[in-house]
Amino acid sequence: NSGGTATYADSVKGRFTIYRDRAKNT
């Protein structure tokens, strides 16, 4: 979300990492 809080599906938690560059919309 806009505050940087990440949510993961249980099946991928601990294996996947999401990253957002807000300034570049990536």
PDB file of all heavy atoms in Angstrom:
ATOM      1  N   ASN A   1       0.816  -1.196   0.000  1.00  0.00           N
ATOM      2  CA  ASN A   1       0.000   0.000   0.000  1.00  0.00           C
ATOM      3  C   ASN A   1       0.860   1.260   0.000  1.00  0.00           C
ATOM      4  O   ASN A   1       2.089   1.202  -0.047  1.00  0.00           O
ATOM      5  CB  ASN A   1      -0.987  -0.015   1.172  1.00  0.00           C
ATOM      6  CG  ASN A   1      -0.304   0.039   2.533  1.00  0.00           C
ATOM      7  OD1 ASN A   1       0.864   0.407   2.660  1.00  0.00           O
ATOM      8  ND2 ASN A   1      -1.054  -0.320   3.571  1.00  0.00           N
ATOM      9  N   SER A   2       0.183   2.412   0.067  1.00  0.00           N
ATOM     10  CA  SER A   2       0.887   3.685  -0.019  1.00  0.00           C
ATOM     11  C   SER A   2       1.819   3.928   1.157  1.00  0.00           C
ATOM     12  O   SER A   2       2.763   4.717   1.047  1.00  0.00           O
ATOM     13  CB  SER A   2      -0.121   4.835  -0.126  1.00  0.00           C
ATOM     14  OG  SER A   2      -0.983   4.869   0.997  1.00  0.00           O
ATOM     15  N   GLY A   3       1.557   3.264   2.280  1.00  0.00           N
ATOM     16  CA  GLY A   3       2.416   3.395   3.438  1.00  0.00           C
ATOM     17  C   GLY A   3       3.576   2.425   3.464  1.00  0.00           C
ATOM     18  O   GLY A   3       4.379   2.454   4.404  1.00  0.00           O
ATOM     19  N   GLY A   4       3.658   1.563   2.466  1.00  0.00           N
ATOM     20  CA  GLY A   4       4.753   0.611   2.389  1.00  0.00           C
ATOM     21  C   GLY A   4       4.495  -0.711   3.077  1.00  0.00           C
ATOM     22  O   GLY A   4       5.416  -1.532   3.192  1.00  0.00           O
ATOM     23  N   THR A   5       3.272  -0.936   3.524  1.00  0.00           N
ATOM     24  CA  THR A   5       2.931  -2.187   4.175  1.00  0.00           C
ATOM     25  C   THR A   5       2.641  -3.261   3.135  1.00  0.00           C
ATOM     26  O   THR A   5       1.794  -3.072   2.268  1.00  0.00           O
ATOM     27  CB  THR A   5       1.716  -2.019   5.093  1.00  0.00           C
ATOM     28  OG1 THR A   5       2.012  -1.037   6.094  1.00  0.00           O
ATOM     29  CG2 THR A   5       1.374  -3.335   5.775  1.00  0.00           C
ATOM     30  N   ALA A   6       3.326  -4.369   3.248  1.00  0.00           N
ATOM     31  CA  ALA A   6       3.181  -5.461   2.292  1.00  0.00           C
ATOM     32  C   ALA A   6       2.307  -6.567   2.851  1.00  0.00           C
ATOM     33  O   ALA A   6       2.320  -6.846   4.055  1.00  0.00           O
ATOM     34  CB  ALA A   6       4.545  -6.021   1.914  1.00  0.00           C
ATOM     35  N   THR A   7       1.552  -7.194   1.975  1.00  0.00           N
ATOM     36  CA  THR A   7       0.717  -8.332   2.307  1.00  0.00           C
ATOM     37  C   THR A   7       1.024  -9.460   1.340  1.00  0.00           C
ATOM     38  O   THR A   7       1.125  -9.237   0.141  1.00  0.00           O
ATOM     39  CB  THR A   7      -0.772  -7.976   2.230  1.00  0.00           C
ATOM     40  OG1 THR A   7      -1.062  -6.912   3.145  1.00  0.00           O
ATOM     41  CG2 THR A   7      -1.637  -9.179   2.584  1.00  0.00           C
ATOM     42  N   TYR A   8       1.171 -10.671   1.860  1.00  0.00           N
ATOM     43  CA  TYR A   8       1.513 -11.823   1.040  1.00  0.00           C
ATOM     44  C   TYR A   8       0.513 -12.946   1.228  1.00  0.00           C
ATOM     45  O   TYR A   8      -0.034 -13.143   2.316  1.00  0.00           O
ATOM     46  CB  TYR A   8       2.900 -12.354   1.395  1.00  0.00           C
ATOM     47  CG  TYR A   8       4.021 -11.383   1.180  1.00  0.00           C
ATOM     48  CD1 TYR A   8       4.470 -10.557   2.203  1.00  0.00           C
ATOM     49  CD2 TYR A   8       4.649 -11.292  -0.069  1.00  0.00           C
ATOM     50  CE1 TYR A   8       5.510  -9.670   1.996  1.00  0.00           C
ATOM     51  CE2 TYR A   8       5.687 -10.403  -0.273  1.00  0.00           C
ATOM     52  CZ  TYR A   8       6.116  -9.588   0.764  1.00  0.00           C
ATOM     53  OH  TYR A   8       7.150  -8.704   0.555  1.00  0.00           O
ATOM     54  N   ALA A   9       0.298 -13.688   0.160  1.00  0.00           N
ATOM     55  CA  ALA A   9      -0.455 -14.921   0.280  1.00  0.00           C
ATOM     56  C   ALA A   9       0.330 -15.909   1.128  1.00  0.00           C
ATOM     57  O   ALA A   9       1.561 -15.926   1.106  1.00  0.00           O
ATOM     58  CB  ALA A   9      -0.727 -15.513  -1.099  1.00  0.00           C
ATOM     59  N   ASP A  10      -0.386 -16.739   1.878  1.00  0.00           N
ATOM     60  CA  ASP A  10       0.282 -17.706   2.741  1.00  0.00           C
ATOM     61  C   ASP A  10       1.212 -18.629   1.961  1.00  0.00           C
ATOM     62  O   ASP A  10       2.262 -19.031   2.461  1.00  0.00           O
ATOM     63  CB  ASP A  10      -0.753 -18.543   3.496  1.00  0.00           C
ATOM     64  CG  ASP A  10      -1.487 -17.754   4.555  1.00  0.00           C
ATOM     65  OD1 ASP A  10      -0.986 -16.692   4.970  1.00  0.00           O
ATOM     66  OD2 ASP A  10      -2.568 -18.209   4.979  1.00  0.00           O
ATOM     67  N   SER A  11       0.844 -18.936   0.740  1.00  0.00           N
ATOM     68  CA  SER A  11       1.613 -19.876  -0.061  1.00  0.00           C
ATOM     69  C   SER A  11       2.972 -19.339  -0.501  1.00  0.00           C
ATOM     70  O   SER A  11       3.848 -20.118  -0.880  1.00  0.00           O
ATOM     71  CB  SER A  11       0.811 -20.299  -1.295  1.00  0.00           C
ATOM     72  OG  SER A  11       0.489 -19.175  -2.093  1.00  0.00           O
ATOM     73  N   VAL A  12       3.158 -18.019  -0.458  1.00  0.00           N
ATOM     74  CA  VAL A  12       4.418 -17.426  -0.915  1.00  0.00           C
ATOM     75  C   VAL A  12       5.174 -16.715   0.192  1.00  0.00           C
ATOM     76  O   VAL A  12       6.312 -16.281  -0.019  1.00  0.00           O
ATOM     77  CB  VAL A  12       4.199 -16.457  -2.096  1.00  0.00           C
ATOM     78  CG1 VAL A  12       3.416 -17.133  -3.211  1.00  0.00           C
ATOM     79  CG2 VAL A  12       3.496 -15.182  -1.633  1.00  0.00           C
ATOM     80  N   LYS A  13       4.574 -16.589   1.347  1.00  0.00           N
ATOM     81  CA  LYS A  13       5.186 -15.867   2.449  1.00  0.00           C
ATOM     82  C   LYS A  13       6.517 -16.504   2.838  1.00  0.00           C
ATOM     83  O   LYS A  13       6.611 -17.709   3.017  1.00  0.00           O
ATOM     84  CB  LYS A  13       4.241 -15.833   3.644  1.00  0.00           C
ATOM     85  CG  LYS A  13       4.521 -14.714   4.623  1.00  0.00           C
ATOM     86  CD  LYS A  13       3.369 -14.540   5.600  1.00  0.00           C
ATOM     87  CE  LYS A  13       3.543 -13.308   6.456  1.00  0.00           C
ATOM     88  NZ  LYS A  13       2.377 -13.091   7.362  1.00  0.00           N
ATOM     89  N   GLY A  14       7.543 -15.674   2.958  1.00  0.00           N
ATOM     90  CA  GLY A  14       8.870 -16.156   3.271  1.00  0.00           C
ATOM     91  C   GLY A  14       9.711 -16.475   2.055  1.00  0.00           C
ATOM     92  O   GLY A  14      10.932 -16.635   2.182  1.00  0.00           O
ATOM     93  N   ARG A  15       9.091 -16.564   0.894  1.00  0.00           N
ATOM     94  CA  ARG A  15       9.806 -16.864  -0.342  1.00  0.00           C
ATOM     95  C   ARG A  15       9.813 -15.688  -1.311  1.00  0.00           C
ATOM     96  O   ARG A  15      10.789 -15.500  -2.043  1.00  0.00           O
ATOM     97  CB  ARG A  15       9.187 -18.073  -1.053  1.00  0.00           C
ATOM     98  CG  ARG A  15       9.230 -19.358  -0.236  1.00  0.00           C
ATOM     99  CD  ARG A  15       8.767 -20.548  -1.070  1.00  0.00           C
ATOM    100  NE  ARG A  15       7.368 -20.422  -1.471  1.00  0.00           N
ATOM    101  CZ  ARG A  15       6.952 -20.407  -2.737  1.00  0.00           C
ATOM    102  NH1 ARG A  15       7.827 -20.525  -3.731  1.00  0.00           N
ATOM    103  NH2 ARG A  15       5.656 -20.314  -3.018  1.00  0.00           N
ATOM    104  N   PHE A  16       8.736 -14.915  -1.323  1.00  0.00           N
ATOM    105  CA  PHE A  16       8.600 -13.787  -2.237  1.00  0.00           C
ATOM    106  C   PHE A  16       8.733 -12.480  -1.481  1.00  0.00           C
ATOM    107  O   PHE A  16       8.342 -12.379  -0.312  1.00  0.00           O
ATOM    108  CB  PHE A  16       7.241 -13.797  -2.936  1.00  0.00           C
ATOM    109  CG  PHE A  16       7.025 -14.927  -3.910  1.00  0.00           C
ATOM    110  CD1 PHE A  16       7.927 -15.976  -4.030  1.00  0.00           C
ATOM    111  CD2 PHE A  16       5.899 -14.926  -4.720  1.00  0.00           C
ATOM    112  CE1 PHE A  16       7.716 -17.009  -4.920  1.00  0.00           C
ATOM    113  CE2 PHE A  16       5.675 -15.951  -5.624  1.00  0.00           C
ATOM    114  CZ  PHE A  16       6.579 -16.991  -5.728  1.00  0.00           C
ATOM    115  N   THR A  17       9.254 -11.466  -2.158  1.00  0.00           N
ATOM    116  CA  THR A  17       9.358 -10.134  -1.586  1.00  0.00           C
ATOM    117  C   THR A  17       8.888  -9.113  -2.612  1.00  0.00           C
ATOM    118  O   THR A  17       9.338  -9.138  -3.758  1.00  0.00           O
ATOM    119  CB  THR A  17      10.797  -9.802  -1.167  1.00  0.00           C
ATOM    120  OG1 THR A  17      11.269 -10.775  -0.233  1.00  0.00           O
ATOM    121  CG2 THR A  17      10.850  -8.430  -0.507  1.00  0.00           C
ATOM    122  N   ILE A  18       7.990  -8.223  -2.196  1.00  0.00           N
ATOM    123  CA  ILE A  18       7.500  -7.177  -3.080  1.00  0.00           C
ATOM    124  C   ILE A  18       8.196  -5.867  -2.727  1.00  0.00           C
ATOM    125  O   ILE A  18       8.439  -5.568  -1.555  1.00  0.00           O
ATOM    126  CB  ILE A  18       5.965  -7.035  -2.992  1.00  0.00           C
ATOM    127  CG1 ILE A  18       5.445  -6.078  -4.073  1.00  0.00           C
ATOM    128  CG2 ILE A  18       5.518  -6.601  -1.607  1.00  0.00           C
ATOM    129  CD1 ILE A  18       3.925  -6.089  -4.217  1.00  0.00           C
ATOM    130  N   TYR A  19       8.517  -5.101  -3.755  1.00  0.00           N
ATOM    131  CA  TYR A  19       9.178  -3.820  -3.570  1.00  0.00           C
ATOM    132  C   TYR A  19       8.527  -2.789  -4.476  1.00  0.00           C
ATOM    133  O   TYR A  19       8.219  -3.075  -5.636  1.00  0.00           O
ATOM    134  CB  TYR A  19      10.670  -3.910  -3.890  1.00  0.00           C
ATOM    135  CG  TYR A  19      11.369  -2.565  -3.895  1.00  0.00           C
ATOM    136  CD1 TYR A  19      11.744  -1.960  -2.700  1.00  0.00           C
ATOM    137  CD2 TYR A  19      11.638  -1.897  -5.086  1.00  0.00           C
ATOM    138  CE1 TYR A  19      12.364  -0.724  -2.701  1.00  0.00           C
ATOM    139  CE2 TYR A  19      12.259  -0.657  -5.087  1.00  0.00           C
ATOM    140  CZ  TYR A  19      12.623  -0.069  -3.895  1.00  0.00           C
ATOM    141  OH  TYR A  19      13.239   1.157  -3.889  1.00  0.00           O
ATOM    142  N   ARG A  20       8.325  -1.587  -3.945  1.00  0.00           N
ATOM    143  CA  ARG A  20       7.721  -0.506  -4.714  1.00  0.00           C
ATOM    144  C   ARG A  20       8.587   0.728  -4.674  1.00  0.00           C
ATOM    145  O   ARG A  20       9.044   1.141  -3.608  1.00  0.00           O
ATOM    146  CB  ARG A  20       6.329  -0.178  -4.160  1.00  0.00           C
ATOM    147  CG  ARG A  20       5.618   0.956  -4.891  1.00  0.00           C
ATOM    148  CD  ARG A  20       4.245   1.196  -4.298  1.00  0.00           C
ATOM    149  NE  ARG A  20       3.540   2.265  -4.995  1.00  0.00           N
ATOM    150  CZ  ARG A  20       2.310   2.657  -4.711  1.00  0.00           C
ATOM    151  NH1 ARG A  20       1.625   2.053  -3.740  1.00  0.00           N
ATOM    152  NH2 ARG A  20       1.751   3.646  -5.398  1.00  0.00           N
ATOM    153  N   ASP A  21       8.805   1.295  -5.845  1.00  0.00           N
ATOM    154  CA  ASP A  21       9.435   2.590  -5.982  1.00  0.00           C
ATOM    155  C   ASP A  21       8.325   3.569  -6.308  1.00  0.00           C
ATOM    156  O   ASP A  21       7.908   3.695  -7.461  1.00  0.00           O
ATOM    157  CB  ASP A  21      10.500   2.580  -7.071  1.00  0.00           C
ATOM    158  CG  ASP A  21      11.282   3.876  -7.142  1.00  0.00           C
ATOM    159  OD1 ASP A  21      10.754   4.931  -6.742  1.00  0.00           O
ATOM    160  OD2 ASP A  21      12.440   3.842  -7.601  1.00  0.00           O
ATOM    161  N   ARG A  22       7.825   4.257  -5.300  1.00  0.00           N
ATOM    162  CA  ARG A  22       6.661   5.110  -5.469  1.00  0.00           C
ATOM    163  C   ARG A  22       6.921   6.266  -6.431  1.00  0.00           C
ATOM    164  O   ARG A  22       6.054   6.639  -7.219  1.00  0.00           O
ATOM    165  CB  ARG A  22       6.209   5.644  -4.107  1.00  0.00           C
ATOM    166  CG  ARG A  22       4.909   6.415  -4.154  1.00  0.00           C
ATOM    167  CD  ARG A  22       4.425   6.778  -2.754  1.00  0.00           C
ATOM    168  NE  ARG A  22       3.178   7.530  -2.798  1.00  0.00           N
ATOM    169  CZ  ARG A  22       1.984   6.977  -2.856  1.00  0.00           C
ATOM    170  NH1 ARG A  22       1.859   5.660  -2.858  1.00  0.00           N
ATOM    171  NH2 ARG A  22       0.897   7.745  -2.902  1.00  0.00           N
ATOM    172  N   ALA A  23       8.109   6.844  -6.361  1.00  0.00           N
ATOM    173  CA  ALA A  23       8.424   7.992  -7.203  1.00  0.00           C
ATOM    174  C   ALA A  23       8.386   7.631  -8.682  1.00  0.00           C
ATOM    175  O   ALA A  23       8.030   8.460  -9.524  1.00  0.00           O
ATOM    176  CB  ALA A  23       9.784   8.572  -6.835  1.00  0.00           C
ATOM    177  N   LYS A  24       8.751   6.406  -9.007  1.00  0.00           N
ATOM    178  CA  LYS A  24       8.806   5.977 -10.397  1.00  0.00           C
ATOM    179  C   LYS A  24       7.621   5.119 -10.814  1.00  0.00           C
ATOM    180  O   LYS A  24       7.549   4.678 -11.960  1.00  0.00           O
ATOM    181  CB  LYS A  24      10.108   5.227 -10.661  1.00  0.00           C
ATOM    182  CG  LYS A  24      11.346   6.086 -10.485  1.00  0.00           C
ATOM    183  CD  LYS A  24      12.606   5.313 -10.824  1.00  0.00           C
ATOM    184  CE  LYS A  24      13.836   6.190 -10.710  1.00  0.00           C
ATOM    185  NZ  LYS A  24      15.078   5.443 -11.049  1.00  0.00           N
ATOM    186  N   ASN A  25       6.704   4.871  -9.881  1.00  0.00           N
ATOM    187  CA  ASN A  25       5.530   4.041 -10.163  1.00  0.00           C
ATOM    188  C   ASN A  25       5.919   2.670 -10.708  1.00  0.00           C
ATOM    189  O   ASN A  25       5.381   2.196 -11.713  1.00  0.00           O
ATOM    190  CB  ASN A  25       4.574   4.742 -11.125  1.00  0.00           C
ATOM    191  CG  ASN A  25       3.753   5.833 -10.461  1.00  0.00           C
ATOM    192  OD1 ASN A  25       3.624   5.870  -9.235  1.00  0.00           O
ATOM    193  ND2 ASN A  25       3.185   6.715 -11.261  1.00  0.00           N
ATOM    194  N   THR A  26       6.858   2.051 -10.034  1.00  0.00           N
ATOM    195  CA  THR A  26       7.251   0.699 -10.402  1.00  0.00           C
ATOM    196  C   THR A  26       7.096  -0.223  -9.204  1.00  0.00           C
ATOM    197  O   THR A  26       7.198   0.202  -8.050  1.00  0.00           O
ATOM    198  CB  THR A  26       8.702   0.638 -10.903  1.00  0.00           C
ATOM    199  OG1 THR A  26       9.583   1.094  -9.869  1.00  0.00           O
ATOM    200  CG2 THR A  26       8.884   1.502 -12.142  1.00  0.00           C
TER     201      THR A  26
END
